[in-house]
C-alpha cells in the first residue's frame, strides 16, 4: 500500500516541482514499469519473452496512467488518491449492479454514503479541487476499475500485467508524440517518473500480487482503504499539503461506505 500511495506522491511532486510534463511522465513511467515487470517475469520463468496480456487491457492501463498524470497537475496527493480509489471501487460495484448483482440494505447504504462523499468533495467551494483535474482523476479511477475487472481470475497476474505494460508503451509514446510541442523535462523529473514506474508501479504490483496469495478477497479490498490516508499523510509530511476538514469528512464517507459494501458482501457470501 505504501507503493500505491507513493505513486501519487511521486507524480504530484514531479509535476509540481520539476520541469517534466504530464505526457513525458506517463511515457517514462509506463516504459520503466514494463522494463521492471519484464525483468521480474524473465528472471522467474527464465524466459525473455512476455507473451501474455491484451490490447484492450493495455489501453485501459494507458488511459489510467495518462489521466492520472494530467490530473495531478492540479490536485494534492491525498485528494487525488481519494478520488482515484473512490472511482475504482464505485466502478467495480457499479459493474456488478449492471450485471445483475443485488445489494443488501447495508451494502446499498454504504454505496449511497460513498457516492455522497464523492459528490460532497466535488461541490463548489473554497476547498473544492479543480473540476477538470478531479474529472481526469475520476476517469483514471474508472479506467483502473475496468482494468481490474478485466484481470480478475487471471492465473498469472504478474505475467499478464507485464504484457499489458509492454503493450501500453507505444500508446504512451504516441501521446508524447501528439504533445511534443509542449514537452519539457529535466533529470529530476525523469528520475521521479522512473521511480514511479520501476518501483511503486512495476515492483509494487509484483509485491501486491505476491501478497494476495495470503489474503482473501475481503481483506485485500479492505486493506486498500489505507492508500488515500497514506497519500494524504505523505502529502502533508513531504509536500506541505494541508489536510482540511472537507477532505477528512469526504474520506470518512467514501472509505467508510466502501468498507460497508465490502464487509456486508462478505457476510452475505458466508451466510
C-alpha atoms as a PDB file:
ATOM      1  CA  UNK A   1       0.000   0.000   0.000  1.00  0.00           C
ATOM      2  CA  UNK A   2       2.965   2.307   0.566  1.00  0.00           C
ATOM      3  CA  UNK A   3       3.955   1.732  -3.064  1.00  0.00           C
ATOM      4  CA  UNK A   4       0.483   2.636  -4.330  1.00  0.00           C
ATOM      5  CA  UNK A   5       0.418   5.786  -2.194  1.00  0.00           C
ATOM      6  CA  UNK A   6       3.941   6.527  -3.407  1.00  0.00           C
ATOM      7  CA  UNK A   7       2.665   6.724  -6.978  1.00  0.00           C
ATOM      8  CA  UNK A   8       0.533   9.716  -6.016  1.00  0.00           C
ATOM      9  CA  UNK A   9       3.374  11.416  -4.156  1.00  0.00           C
ATOM     10  CA  UNK A  10       5.949  10.881  -6.910  1.00  0.00           C
ATOM     11  CA  UNK A  11       3.631  12.059  -9.658  1.00  0.00           C
ATOM     12  CA  UNK A  12       2.498  15.111  -7.724  1.00  0.00           C
ATOM     13  CA  UNK A  13       5.990  16.265  -6.721  1.00  0.00           C
ATOM     14  CA  UNK A  14       7.338  15.686 -10.245  1.00  0.00           C
ATOM     15  CA  UNK A  15       4.622  17.709 -11.943  1.00  0.00           C
ATOM     16  CA  UNK A  16       4.593  20.423  -9.289  1.00  0.00           C
ATOM     17  CA  UNK A  17       8.301  20.908  -8.613  1.00  0.00           C
ATOM     18  CA  UNK A  18      10.188  19.800 -11.744  1.00  0.00           C
ATOM     19  CA  UNK A  19      10.100  20.649 -15.439  1.00  0.00           C
ATOM     20  CA  UNK A  20       8.693  17.331 -16.678  1.00  0.00           C
ATOM     21  CA  UNK A  21       5.333  17.492 -18.452  1.00  0.00           C
ATOM     22  CA  UNK A  22       2.481  15.058 -17.831  1.00  0.00           C
ATOM     23  CA  UNK A  23       2.772  13.202 -21.153  1.00  0.00           C
ATOM     24  CA  UNK A  24       6.514  12.608 -20.739  1.00  0.00           C
ATOM     25  CA  UNK A  25       5.983  11.499 -17.151  1.00  0.00           C
ATOM     26  CA  UNK A  26       3.383   8.984 -18.356  1.00  0.00           C
ATOM     27  CA  UNK A  27       5.652   7.586 -21.077  1.00  0.00           C
ATOM     28  CA  UNK A  28       8.669   7.231 -18.804  1.00  0.00           C
ATOM     29  CA  UNK A  29       6.574   5.688 -16.040  1.00  0.00           C
ATOM     30  CA  UNK A  30       4.988   3.063 -18.299  1.00  0.00           C
ATOM     31  CA  UNK A  31       8.287   2.224 -20.013  1.00  0.00           C
ATOM     32  CA  UNK A  32      10.081   1.841 -16.674  1.00  0.00           C
ATOM     33  CA  UNK A  33       7.258  -0.312 -15.309  1.00  0.00           C
ATOM     34  CA  UNK A  34       7.332  -2.509 -18.415  1.00  0.00           C
ATOM     35  CA  UNK A  35      11.093  -2.980 -18.111  1.00  0.00           C
ATOM     36  CA  UNK A  36      10.961  -3.989 -14.438  1.00  0.00           C
ATOM     37  CA  UNK A  37       7.991  -6.334 -14.872  1.00  0.00           C
ATOM     38  CA  UNK A  38       9.612  -7.929 -17.937  1.00  0.00           C
ATOM     39  CA  UNK A  39      12.801  -8.469 -15.907  1.00  0.00           C
ATOM     40  CA  UNK A  40      10.881  -9.993 -12.975  1.00  0.00           C
ATOM     41  CA  UNK A  41       8.986 -12.416 -15.221  1.00  0.00           C
ATOM     42  CA  UNK A  42      12.091 -13.324 -17.237  1.00  0.00           C
ATOM     43  CA  UNK A  43      14.093 -13.938 -14.055  1.00  0.00           C
ATOM     44  CA  UNK A  44      11.305 -16.005 -12.517  1.00  0.00           C
ATOM     45  CA  UNK A  45      10.437 -18.071 -15.575  1.00  0.00           C
ATOM     46  CA  UNK A  46      13.839 -17.975 -17.311  1.00  0.00           C
ATOM     47  CA  UNK A  47      12.040 -16.804 -20.451  1.00  0.00           C
ATOM     48  CA  UNK A  48      12.944 -13.480 -22.073  1.00  0.00           C
ATOM     49  CA  UNK A  49       9.581 -13.088 -23.819  1.00  0.00           C
ATOM     50  CA  UNK A  50       6.365 -11.913 -22.195  1.00  0.00           C
ATOM     51  CA  UNK A  51       3.539 -13.206 -24.366  1.00  0.00           C
ATOM     52  CA  UNK A  52       0.502 -12.658 -22.162  1.00  0.00           C
ATOM     53  CA  UNK A  53      -1.677  -9.582 -21.934  1.00  0.00           C
ATOM     54  CA  UNK A  54      -4.393  -7.988 -24.055  1.00  0.00           C
ATOM     55  CA  UNK A  55      -4.605  -4.767 -26.064  1.00  0.00           C
ATOM     56  CA  UNK A  56      -7.913  -3.712 -24.501  1.00  0.00           C
ATOM     57  CA  UNK A  57      -6.431  -4.085 -21.034  1.00  0.00           C
ATOM     58  CA  UNK A  58      -3.315  -2.218 -22.183  1.00  0.00           C
ATOM     59  CA  UNK A  59      -5.495   0.668 -23.389  1.00  0.00           C
ATOM     60  CA  UNK A  60      -7.278   0.802 -20.012  1.00  0.00           C
ATOM     61  CA  UNK A  61      -3.878   0.808 -18.291  1.00  0.00           C
ATOM     62  CA  UNK A  62      -2.648   3.614 -20.554  1.00  0.00           C
ATOM     63  CA  UNK A  63      -5.858   5.633 -20.023  1.00  0.00           C
ATOM     64  CA  UNK A  64      -5.443   5.283 -16.259  1.00  0.00           C
ATOM     65  CA  UNK A  65      -1.793   6.378 -16.311  1.00  0.00           C
ATOM     66  CA  UNK A  66      -2.365   9.313 -18.665  1.00  0.00           C
ATOM     67  CA  UNK A  67      -5.418  10.679 -16.836  1.00  0.00           C
ATOM     68  CA  UNK A  68      -3.616  10.129 -13.517  1.00  0.00           C
ATOM     69  CA  UNK A  69      -0.655  12.249 -14.626  1.00  0.00           C
ATOM     70  CA  UNK A  70      -2.673  15.109 -16.096  1.00  0.00           C
ATOM     71  CA  UNK A  71      -4.969  15.142 -13.048  1.00  0.00           C
ATOM     72  CA  UNK A  72      -2.029  15.675 -10.706  1.00  0.00           C
ATOM     73  CA  UNK A  73      -1.202  18.936 -12.425  1.00  0.00           C
ATOM     74  CA  UNK A  74      -3.904  20.433 -10.199  1.00  0.00           C
ATOM     75  CA  UNK A  75      -4.670  18.027  -7.342  1.00  0.00           C
ATOM     76  CA  UNK A  76      -2.999  17.485  -3.954  1.00  0.00           C
ATOM     77  CA  UNK A  77      -1.722  13.942  -3.429  1.00  0.00           C
ATOM     78  CA  UNK A  78      -4.340  12.922  -0.847  1.00  0.00           C
ATOM     79  CA  UNK A  79      -7.310  14.332  -2.738  1.00  0.00           C
ATOM     80  CA  UNK A  80      -6.148  12.658  -5.933  1.00  0.00           C
ATOM     81  CA  UNK A  81      -5.711   9.285  -4.242  1.00  0.00           C
ATOM     82  CA  UNK A  82      -9.156   9.547  -2.641  1.00  0.00           C
ATOM     83  CA  UNK A  83     -10.837  10.389  -5.950  1.00  0.00           C
ATOM     84  CA  UNK A  84      -8.931   7.609  -7.687  1.00  0.00           C
ATOM     85  CA  UNK A  85      -9.751   4.985  -5.082  1.00  0.00           C
ATOM     86  CA  UNK A  86     -13.398   6.024  -4.841  1.00  0.00           C
ATOM     87  CA  UNK A  87     -13.813   5.878  -8.622  1.00  0.00           C
ATOM     88  CA  UNK A  88     -12.147   2.452  -8.841  1.00  0.00           C
ATOM     89  CA  UNK A  89     -14.386   0.934  -6.205  1.00  0.00           C
ATOM     90  CA  UNK A  90     -17.593   2.575  -7.411  1.00  0.00           C
ATOM     91  CA  UNK A  91     -16.824   1.452 -10.972  1.00  0.00           C
ATOM     92  CA  UNK A  92     -16.423  -2.150  -9.856  1.00  0.00           C
ATOM     93  CA  UNK A  93     -19.513  -2.036  -7.647  1.00  0.00           C
ATOM     94  CA  UNK A  94     -21.496  -0.361 -10.434  1.00  0.00           C
ATOM     95  CA  UNK A  95     -20.416  -3.041 -12.898  1.00  0.00           C
ATOM     96  CA  UNK A  96     -21.704  -5.695 -10.526  1.00  0.00           C
ATOM     97  CA  UNK A  97     -25.050  -3.924 -10.314  1.00  0.00           C
ATOM     98  CA  UNK A  98     -25.191  -3.651 -14.114  1.00  0.00           C
ATOM     99  CA  UNK A  99     -24.537  -7.387 -14.331  1.00  0.00           C
ATOM    100  CA  UNK A 100     -27.484  -8.097 -12.069  1.00  0.00           C
ATOM    101  CA  UNK A 101     -25.876  -8.372  -8.644  1.00  0.00           C
ATOM    102  CA  UNK A 102     -28.202  -7.333  -5.850  1.00  0.00           C
ATOM    103  CA  UNK A 103     -27.106  -5.331  -2.828  1.00  0.00           C
ATOM    104  CA  UNK A 104     -28.468  -5.855   0.655  1.00  0.00           C
ATOM    105  CA  UNK A 105     -29.632  -2.930   2.761  1.00  0.00           C
ATOM    106  CA  UNK A 106     -26.261  -2.424   4.431  1.00  0.00           C
ATOM    107  CA  UNK A 107     -24.478  -2.610   1.072  1.00  0.00           C
ATOM    108  CA  UNK A 108     -26.875  -0.158  -0.555  1.00  0.00           C
ATOM    109  CA  UNK A 109     -26.489   2.254   2.362  1.00  0.00           C
ATOM    110  CA  UNK A 110     -22.714   2.004   2.096  1.00  0.00           C
ATOM    111  CA  UNK A 111     -22.840   2.625  -1.660  1.00  0.00           C
ATOM    112  CA  UNK A 112     -25.056   5.714  -1.193  1.00  0.00           C
ATOM    113  CA  UNK A 113     -22.820   7.093   1.575  1.00  0.00           C
ATOM    114  CA  UNK A 114     -19.678   6.585  -0.522  1.00  0.00           C
ATOM    115  CA  UNK A 115     -21.242   8.251  -3.553  1.00  0.00           C
ATOM    116  CA  UNK A 116     -22.496  11.145  -1.397  1.00  0.00           C
ATOM    117  CA  UNK A 117     -18.986  11.607  -0.009  1.00  0.00           C
ATOM    118  CA  UNK A 118     -17.609  11.802  -3.526  1.00  0.00           C
ATOM    119  CA  UNK A 119     -20.217  14.387  -4.518  1.00  0.00           C
ATOM    120  CA  UNK A 120     -19.554  16.413  -1.349  1.00  0.00           C
ATOM    121  CA  UNK A 121     -15.843  16.508  -2.116  1.00  0.00           C
ATOM    122  CA  UNK A 122     -16.544  17.945  -5.563  1.00  0.00           C
ATOM    123  CA  UNK A 123     -19.186  20.525  -4.580  1.00  0.00           C
ATOM    124  CA  UNK A 124     -18.170  24.120  -5.362  1.00  0.00           C
ATOM    125  CA  UNK A 125     -16.391  25.911  -2.562  1.00  0.00           C
ATOM    126  CA  UNK A 126     -13.061  27.332  -1.497  1.00  0.00           C
ATOM    127  CA  UNK A 127     -11.704  23.868  -0.623  1.00  0.00           C
ATOM    128  CA  UNK A 128     -13.069  22.075  -3.676  1.00  0.00           C
ATOM    129  CA  UNK A 129     -10.495  20.515  -6.024  1.00  0.00           C
ATOM    130  CA  UNK A 130     -10.266  21.923  -9.579  1.00  0.00           C
ATOM    131  CA  UNK A 131     -13.122  20.390 -11.543  1.00  0.00           C
ATOM    132  CA  UNK A 132     -11.091  19.498 -14.650  1.00  0.00           C
ATOM    133  CA  UNK A 133      -8.377  17.784 -12.604  1.00  0.00           C
ATOM    134  CA  UNK A 134     -10.973  15.979 -10.492  1.00  0.00           C
ATOM    135  CA  UNK A 135     -12.763  14.766 -13.634  1.00  0.00           C
ATOM    136  CA  UNK A 136      -9.485  13.424 -15.033  1.00  0.00           C
ATOM    137  CA  UNK A 137      -8.766  11.550 -11.794  1.00  0.00           C
ATOM    138  CA  UNK A 138     -12.266  10.072 -11.771  1.00  0.00           C
ATOM    139  CA  UNK A 139     -11.647   8.944 -15.354  1.00  0.00           C
ATOM    140  CA  UNK A 140      -8.333   7.428 -14.232  1.00  0.00           C
ATOM    141  CA  UNK A 141     -10.158   5.531 -11.482  1.00  0.00           C
ATOM    142  CA  UNK A 142     -12.809   4.294 -13.899  1.00  0.00           C
ATOM    143  CA  UNK A 143     -10.081   3.104 -16.297  1.00  0.00           C
ATOM    144  CA  UNK A 144      -8.286   1.290 -13.484  1.00  0.00           C
ATOM    145  CA  UNK A 145     -11.585  -0.254 -12.413  1.00  0.00           C
ATOM    146  CA  UNK A 146     -12.077  -1.558 -15.961  1.00  0.00           C
ATOM    147  CA  UNK A 147      -8.506  -2.864 -15.972  1.00  0.00           C
ATOM    148  CA  UNK A 148      -9.092  -4.626 -12.645  1.00  0.00           C
ATOM    149  CA  UNK A 149     -12.365  -6.160 -13.833  1.00  0.00           C
ATOM    150  CA  UNK A 150     -10.700  -7.475 -16.978  1.00  0.00           C
ATOM    151  CA  UNK A 151      -7.907  -9.006 -14.929  1.00  0.00           C
ATOM    152  CA  UNK A 152      -9.998 -10.807 -12.325  1.00  0.00           C
ATOM    153  CA  UNK A 153      -9.346 -14.532 -12.218  1.00  0.00           C
ATOM    154  CA  UNK A 154      -6.059 -14.261 -14.113  1.00  0.00           C
ATOM    155  CA  UNK A 155      -3.860 -17.250 -13.334  1.00  0.00           C
ATOM    156  CA  UNK A 156      -0.548 -15.353 -13.555  1.00  0.00           C
ATOM    157  CA  UNK A 157      -1.322 -11.706 -12.798  1.00  0.00           C
ATOM    158  CA  UNK A 158       2.313 -10.566 -12.820  1.00  0.00           C
ATOM    159  CA  UNK A 159       2.973 -12.022 -16.263  1.00  0.00           C
ATOM    160  CA  UNK A 160      -0.248 -10.596 -17.691  1.00  0.00           C
ATOM    161  CA  UNK A 161       0.472  -7.180 -16.148  1.00  0.00           C
ATOM    162  CA  UNK A 162       3.946  -7.251 -17.699  1.00  0.00           C
ATOM    163  CA  UNK A 163       2.412  -7.960 -21.104  1.00  0.00           C
ATOM    164  CA  UNK A 164      -0.108  -5.162 -20.682  1.00  0.00           C
ATOM    165  CA  UNK A 165       2.592  -2.678 -19.664  1.00  0.00           C
ATOM    166  CA  UNK A 166       4.622  -3.610 -22.762  1.00  0.00           C
ATOM    167  CA  UNK A 167       1.585  -3.044 -24.973  1.00  0.00           C
ATOM    168  CA  UNK A 168       0.905   0.289 -23.279  1.00  0.00           C
ATOM    169  CA  UNK A 169       4.369   1.646 -24.133  1.00  0.00           C
ATOM    170  CA  UNK A 170       3.589   2.535 -27.780  1.00  0.00           C
ATOM    171  CA  UNK A 171       0.294   4.108 -26.679  1.00  0.00           C
ATOM    172  CA  UNK A 172       2.145   6.326 -24.201  1.00  0.00           C
ATOM    173  CA  UNK A 173       4.797   7.211 -26.785  1.00  0.00           C
ATOM    174  CA  UNK A 174       2.002   8.152 -29.174  1.00  0.00           C
ATOM    175  CA  UNK A 175       0.629  10.560 -26.557  1.00  0.00           C
ATOM    176  CA  UNK A 176       4.077  12.085 -26.121  1.00  0.00           C
ATOM    177  CA  UNK A 177       4.362  12.496 -29.884  1.00  0.00           C
ATOM    178  CA  UNK A 178       0.999  14.293 -30.041  1.00  0.00           C
ATOM    179  CA  UNK A 179       2.050  16.528 -27.129  1.00  0.00           C
ATOM    180  CA  UNK A 180       5.607  17.056 -28.410  1.00  0.00           C
ATOM    181  CA  UNK A 181       5.169  20.808 -28.820  1.00  0.00           C
ATOM    182  CA  UNK A 182       4.528  21.131 -25.060  1.00  0.00           C
ATOM    183  CA  UNK A 183       7.166  18.591 -23.984  1.00  0.00           C
ATOM    184  CA  UNK A 184       9.593  19.619 -21.245  1.00  0.00           C
ATOM    185  CA  UNK A 185      11.735  17.598 -18.869  1.00  0.00           C
ATOM    186  CA  UNK A 186      14.685  17.674 -16.528  1.00  0.00           C
ATOM    187  CA  UNK A 187      16.701  14.907 -14.920  1.00  0.00           C
ATOM    188  CA  UNK A 188      14.928  15.203 -11.574  1.00  0.00           C
ATOM    189  CA  UNK A 189      11.509  14.849 -13.183  1.00  0.00           C
ATOM    190  CA  UNK A 190      12.661  11.866 -15.240  1.00  0.00           C
ATOM    191  CA  UNK A 191      14.090  10.260 -12.095  1.00  0.00           C
ATOM    192  CA  UNK A 192      10.731  10.633 -10.330  1.00  0.00           C
ATOM    193  CA  UNK A 193       8.975   9.095 -13.341  1.00  0.00           C
ATOM    194  CA  UNK A 194      11.407   6.160 -13.431  1.00  0.00           C
ATOM    195  CA  UNK A 195      10.911   5.599  -9.705  1.00  0.00           C
ATOM    196  CA  UNK A 196       7.132   5.719 -10.168  1.00  0.00           C
ATOM    197  CA  UNK A 197       7.263   3.184 -12.998  1.00  0.00           C
ATOM    198  CA  UNK A 198      10.000   0.863 -11.776  1.00  0.00           C
ATOM    199  CA  UNK A 199       9.440   0.883  -8.010  1.00  0.00           C
ATOM    200  CA  UNK A 200       5.945   1.981  -6.996  1.00  0.00           C
ATOM    201  CA  UNK A 201       4.286   0.599 -10.159  1.00  0.00           C
ATOM    202  CA  UNK A 202       6.268  -2.360 -11.526  1.00  0.00           C
ATOM    203  CA  UNK A 203       7.809  -3.707  -8.324  1.00  0.00           C
ATOM    204  CA  UNK A 204       4.812  -2.544  -6.269  1.00  0.00           C
ATOM    205  CA  UNK A 205       2.359  -4.522  -8.423  1.00  0.00           C
ATOM    206  CA  UNK A 206       4.572  -7.614  -8.307  1.00  0.00           C
ATOM    207  CA  UNK A 207       4.737  -7.434  -4.489  1.00  0.00           C
ATOM    208  CA  UNK A 208       0.985  -6.852  -4.261  1.00  0.00           C
ATOM    209  CA  UNK A 209       0.188  -9.914  -6.360  1.00  0.00           C
ATOM    210  CA  UNK A 210       2.544 -11.956  -4.188  1.00  0.00           C
ATOM    211  CA  UNK A 211       0.835 -10.637  -1.036  1.00  0.00           C
ATOM    212  CA  UNK A 212      -2.594 -11.522  -2.430  1.00  0.00           C
ATOM    213  CA  UNK A 213      -1.763 -15.208  -2.031  1.00  0.00           C
ATOM    214  CA  UNK A 214      -2.028 -14.733   1.730  1.00  0.00           C
ATOM    215  CA  UNK A 215      -5.140 -12.533   1.718  1.00  0.00           C
ATOM    216  CA  UNK A 216      -8.734 -13.369   0.981  1.00  0.00           C
ATOM    217  CA  UNK A 217     -10.687 -11.057  -1.312  1.00  0.00           C
ATOM    218  CA  UNK A 218     -12.299  -9.106   1.526  1.00  0.00           C
ATOM    219  CA  UNK A 219      -9.067  -8.412   3.379  1.00  0.00           C
ATOM    220  CA  UNK A 220      -7.353  -7.447   0.136  1.00  0.00           C
ATOM    221  CA  UNK A 221     -10.125  -4.964  -0.653  1.00  0.00           C
ATOM    222  CA  UNK A 222     -10.263  -3.521   2.861  1.00  0.00           C
ATOM    223  CA  UNK A 223      -6.501  -3.061   3.172  1.00  0.00           C
ATOM    224  CA  UNK A 224      -6.594  -0.843   0.093  1.00  0.00           C
ATOM    225  CA  UNK A 225      -8.661   1.628   2.135  1.00  0.00           C
ATOM    226  CA  UNK A 226      -5.352   2.741   3.646  1.00  0.00           C
ATOM    227  CA  UNK A 227      -3.984   4.125   0.360  1.00  0.00           C
ATOM    228  CA  UNK A 228      -5.745   7.543   0.340  1.00  0.00           C
ATOM    229  CA  UNK A 229      -4.899   8.057   4.011  1.00  0.00           C
ATOM    230  CA  UNK A 230      -1.236   7.184   3.385  1.00  0.00           C
ATOM    231  CA  UNK A 231      -1.127   9.506   0.369  1.00  0.00           C
ATOM    232  CA  UNK A 232      -2.688  12.361   2.350  1.00  0.00           C
ATOM    233  CA  UNK A 233      -0.252  11.831   5.236  1.00  0.00           C
ATOM    234  CA  UNK A 234       2.672  11.701   2.819  1.00  0.00           C
ATOM    235  CA  UNK A 235       1.465  14.833   1.066  1.00  0.00           C
ATOM    236  CA  UNK A 236       1.277  16.672   4.377  1.00  0.00           C
ATOM    237  CA  UNK A 237       4.667  15.412   5.585  1.00  0.00           C
ATOM    238  CA  UNK A 238       6.738  15.697   2.409  1.00  0.00           C
ATOM    239  CA  UNK A 239       4.883  18.151   0.157  1.00  0.00           C
ATOM    240  CA  UNK A 240       3.453  20.534   2.797  1.00  0.00           C
ATOM    241  CA  UNK A 241      -0.078  19.935   1.522  1.00  0.00           C
ATOM    242  CA  UNK A 242      -2.852  20.819   4.008  1.00  0.00           C
ATOM    243  CA  UNK A 243      -5.423  18.276   5.161  1.00  0.00           C
ATOM    244  CA  UNK A 244      -8.696  20.171   5.515  1.00  0.00           C
ATOM    245  CA  UNK A 245     -11.957  19.121   7.139  1.00  0.00           C
ATOM    246  CA  UNK A 246     -13.580  18.704   3.741  1.00  0.00           C
ATOM    247  CA  UNK A 247     -11.067  16.027   2.767  1.00  0.00           C
ATOM    248  CA  UNK A 248     -11.324  14.333   6.176  1.00  0.00           C
ATOM    249  CA  UNK A 249     -15.129  14.150   6.127  1.00  0.00           C
ATOM    250  CA  UNK A 250     -15.279  13.084   2.473  1.00  0.00           C
ATOM    251  CA  UNK A 251     -12.663  10.413   3.177  1.00  0.00           C
ATOM    252  CA  UNK A 252     -14.683   9.078   6.090  1.00  0.00           C
ATOM    253  CA  UNK A 253     -17.828   8.882   3.941  1.00  0.00           C
ATOM    254  CA  UNK A 254     -16.182   7.356   0.857  1.00  0.00           C
ATOM    255  CA  UNK A 255     -13.900   4.881   2.601  1.00  0.00           C
ATOM    256  CA  UNK A 256     -16.466   4.001   5.264  1.00  0.00           C
ATOM    257  CA  UNK A 257     -19.170   3.450   2.645  1.00  0.00           C
ATOM    258  CA  UNK A 258     -16.934   1.240   0.513  1.00  0.00           C
ATOM    259  CA  UNK A 259     -15.859  -0.733   3.584  1.00  0.00           C
ATOM    260  CA  UNK A 260     -19.528  -1.310   4.456  1.00  0.00           C
ATOM    261  CA  UNK A 261     -20.220  -2.668   0.969  1.00  0.00           C
ATOM    262  CA  UNK A 262     -17.205  -4.992   1.057  1.00  0.00           C
ATOM    263  CA  UNK A 263     -17.783  -6.336   4.570  1.00  0.00           C
ATOM    264  CA  UNK A 264     -21.541  -6.754   4.111  1.00  0.00           C
ATOM    265  CA  UNK A 265     -20.919  -8.601   0.833  1.00  0.00           C
ATOM    266  CA  UNK A 266     -18.544 -10.965   2.632  1.00  0.00           C
ATOM    267  CA  UNK A 267     -21.077 -11.631   5.391  1.00  0.00           C
ATOM    268  CA  UNK A 268     -23.798 -12.362   2.816  1.00  0.00           C
ATOM    269  CA  UNK A 269     -21.498 -14.736   0.953  1.00  0.00           C
ATOM    270  CA  UNK A 270     -20.578 -16.511   4.197  1.00  0.00           C
ATOM    271  CA  UNK A 271     -24.232 -16.805   5.136  1.00  0.00           C
END
